[in-house]
């Protein structure tokens, strides 16, 4: 009985190995089709997510650089200027040292991001010694992504506190 059971098992195993040799051509084509459809859907969504993350990162960096300029003016006891040049997509931090301005940092906006400043904010000057240390003029920087409003960076007059309003 044991030999007979072993023979049946061996015969079933041979049938199983020969009948499931791999995928059929149709199964392979269906798998490739499903993968192509998923890829076609995911790539545009993923690229838009990356563009949004890059724009958000730029806004956060702009906000941090304004705070840096203020703190740098206090620490070095020299006036620090923060220039906004929307048409070129550039903002710069410069300090007054030995009677001339020297650039500390210059940042270009990503290609899909543009910004403009309110008329009084093209140049903010952070002073080291005034009633409120680090004070400057205030205003708003308007940021657009692909031509659509994206965020506003608001610099409060006197205190120079910044806040971001996301659109």
Foldseek 3Di string as FASTA:
>chain_A
DVVVVVVVVVVVVVVVCVVPVDDDPVVVVVVVVVVVVVCVVVVVVVVVVVLLVLQVVVVVVVLVVLVVQLVVCQVVQWKWKWADDQVQQKIWIWTQDPNDIDTPDMDHRPPQKTKDWDPVVRMWIQGNDDPAHGFTAWTWIFMDGNNHTAWIWTQDHGNRRIDIDGD
